[in-house]
């Protein structure tokens, strides 16, 4: 069983390219990272407290991983170098999460569509509550 699990993780990992943005579903959120070399991924996570380079297996938790829908503005080598420059930086869900890291490393802009969507939803709920209370 252990060998089959390791083989499945290896097969998932090898289908992605060096410097490619990848995604695993964690609860209601997408968790993003960048594939590096030798079975490793750079990501920002509350589990690790910040930006780290860890194994693909730790990143995925054995869950399916897919390619992120992000068009890189930099070469794979530059993308990974940009991400590695952030290793050790602390995690913040609103300003320094996994999506901020990956988008900054690949596109040059630290932004998070998930944070924006969450804040928009919270604002909508707040306005609804404000205007429907007696």
Protein backbone atom coordinates (compact mmCIF):
# COMPACT_ATOMS: atom_id res chain seq x y z
CA UNK A 1 0.00 0.00 0.00
CA UNK A 2 2.85 2.42 0.91
CA UNK A 3 4.53 1.76 -2.46
CA UNK A 4 1.29 2.42 -4.38
CA UNK A 5 0.74 5.68 -2.46
CA UNK A 6 4.31 6.85 -3.16
CA UNK A 7 3.94 5.93 -6.83
CA UNK A 8 0.68 7.90 -7.07
CA UNK A 9 2.34 10.96 -5.49
CA UNK A 10 5.31 10.61 -7.85
CA UNK A 11 3.02 10.37 -10.89
CA UNK A 12 1.09 13.47 -9.81
CA UNK A 13 4.33 15.40 -9.27
CA UNK A 14 6.00 14.48 -12.56
CA UNK A 15 3.12 15.75 -14.70
CA UNK A 16 3.93 19.35 -13.72
CA UNK A 17 6.81 21.46 -15.04
CA UNK A 18 9.52 23.26 -13.10
CA UNK A 19 8.21 26.64 -11.95
CA UNK A 20 4.58 25.76 -12.68
CA UNK A 21 1.84 27.06 -10.40
CA UNK A 22 -0.15 24.18 -8.94
CA UNK A 23 -3.30 23.89 -6.82
CA UNK A 24 -4.70 21.48 -4.23
CA UNK A 25 -8.14 21.86 -2.65
CA UNK A 26 -7.99 22.39 1.13
CA UNK A 27 -11.46 22.68 2.63
CA UNK A 28 -13.35 25.51 0.93
CA UNK A 29 -10.16 27.06 -0.49
CA UNK A 30 -7.64 26.42 -3.24
CA UNK A 31 -4.09 26.15 -1.91
CA UNK A 32 -1.43 27.25 -4.41
CA UNK A 33 2.25 26.45 -4.68
CA UNK A 34 5.10 26.42 -7.18
CA UNK A 35 6.72 23.19 -8.30
CA UNK A 36 10.48 23.33 -7.90
CA UNK A 37 12.90 20.46 -8.30
CA UNK A 38 13.40 17.05 -6.75
CA UNK A 39 9.84 16.58 -5.53
CA UNK A 40 9.56 19.96 -3.82
CA UNK A 41 7.00 22.81 -3.77
CA UNK A 42 7.27 26.39 -2.48
CA UNK A 43 4.13 27.65 -0.76
CA UNK A 44 2.87 29.92 2.00
CA UNK A 45 0.83 28.08 4.56
CA UNK A 46 -0.66 28.55 8.02
CA UNK A 47 0.53 24.95 8.70
CA UNK A 48 4.16 26.04 8.39
CA UNK A 49 3.65 29.64 9.53
CA UNK A 50 5.00 31.15 6.35
CA UNK A 51 6.77 30.57 3.06
CA UNK A 52 8.66 27.27 2.89
CA UNK A 53 9.92 24.77 0.37
CA UNK A 54 8.54 21.38 1.29
CA UNK A 55 7.83 18.03 -0.30
CA UNK A 56 5.09 17.60 -2.87
CA UNK A 57 3.58 14.99 -0.56
CA UNK A 58 3.40 17.48 2.34
CA UNK A 59 1.94 20.14 0.02
CA UNK A 60 -0.73 17.87 -1.45
CA UNK A 61 -1.57 15.82 1.62
CA UNK A 62 -2.27 13.02 -0.84
CA UNK A 63 -5.11 14.98 -2.46
CA UNK A 64 -5.37 15.54 -6.23
CA UNK A 65 -3.27 18.40 -7.56
CA UNK A 66 -4.01 20.37 -10.72
CA UNK A 67 -2.38 23.13 -12.70
CA UNK A 68 -3.29 26.67 -11.62
CA UNK A 69 -4.86 28.93 -14.23
CA UNK A 70 -2.06 31.51 -14.10
CA UNK A 71 -0.10 32.83 -17.07
CA UNK A 72 3.50 33.45 -15.98
CA UNK A 73 5.19 36.72 -16.86
CA UNK A 74 8.63 35.32 -15.99
CA UNK A 75 10.69 32.30 -16.98
CA UNK A 76 10.37 29.21 -14.78
CA UNK A 77 13.86 29.84 -13.38
CA UNK A 78 13.05 33.45 -12.50
CA UNK A 79 9.66 32.46 -11.07
CA UNK A 80 11.25 29.92 -8.71
CA UNK A 81 14.00 32.40 -7.75
CA UNK A 82 11.37 35.02 -6.92
CA UNK A 83 9.47 32.52 -4.76
CA UNK A 84 12.64 31.32 -3.02
CA UNK A 85 13.44 34.95 -2.13
CA UNK A 86 10.27 34.91 0.02
CA UNK A 87 11.19 31.77 2.01
CA UNK A 88 10.99 32.56 5.71
CA UNK A 89 8.43 35.34 5.31
CA UNK A 90 5.45 34.97 7.67
CA UNK A 91 2.00 33.85 6.55
CA UNK A 92 -0.93 36.28 6.68
CA UNK A 93 -4.31 35.18 5.27
CA UNK A 94 -5.16 38.69 4.07
CA UNK A 95 -1.84 40.04 2.77
CA UNK A 96 0.66 37.17 2.44
CA UNK A 97 -1.12 33.91 1.67
CA UNK A 98 -0.32 31.18 -0.85
CA UNK A 99 -2.08 32.95 -3.72
CA UNK A 100 -0.29 36.25 -3.01
CA UNK A 101 3.04 34.38 -3.13
CA UNK A 102 2.35 32.44 -6.32
CA UNK A 103 0.88 35.40 -8.20
CA UNK A 104 3.76 37.66 -7.14
CA UNK A 105 6.34 35.06 -8.22
CA UNK A 106 4.63 34.28 -11.54
CA UNK A 107 2.91 37.55 -12.53
CA UNK A 108 4.69 40.22 -10.47
CA UNK A 109 1.59 41.30 -8.55
CA UNK A 110 0.80 40.03 -5.02
CA UNK A 111 -2.96 39.66 -5.17
CA UNK A 112 -5.52 37.08 -4.14
CA UNK A 113 -8.79 36.49 -5.95
CA UNK A 114 -9.92 34.31 -3.04
CA UNK A 115 -9.40 37.12 -0.49
CA UNK A 116 -11.16 39.60 -2.77
CA UNK A 117 -14.12 37.23 -3.22
CA UNK A 118 -14.31 36.60 0.54
CA UNK A 119 -14.23 40.31 1.37
CA UNK A 120 -16.87 41.03 -1.28
CA UNK A 121 -19.12 38.33 0.16
CA UNK A 122 -18.62 39.64 3.72
CA UNK A 123 -19.42 43.19 2.60
CA UNK A 124 -22.57 41.99 0.83
CA UNK A 125 -23.74 40.09 3.90
CA UNK A 126 -23.00 43.13 6.06
CA UNK A 127 -24.96 45.45 3.78
CA UNK A 128 -27.85 43.01 3.62
CA UNK A 129 -27.94 42.85 7.42
CA UNK A 130 -27.69 46.63 7.71
CA UNK A 131 -30.58 47.31 5.33
CA UNK A 132 -32.89 44.51 6.48
CA UNK A 133 -32.81 45.04 10.22
CA UNK A 134 -35.63 46.85 11.90
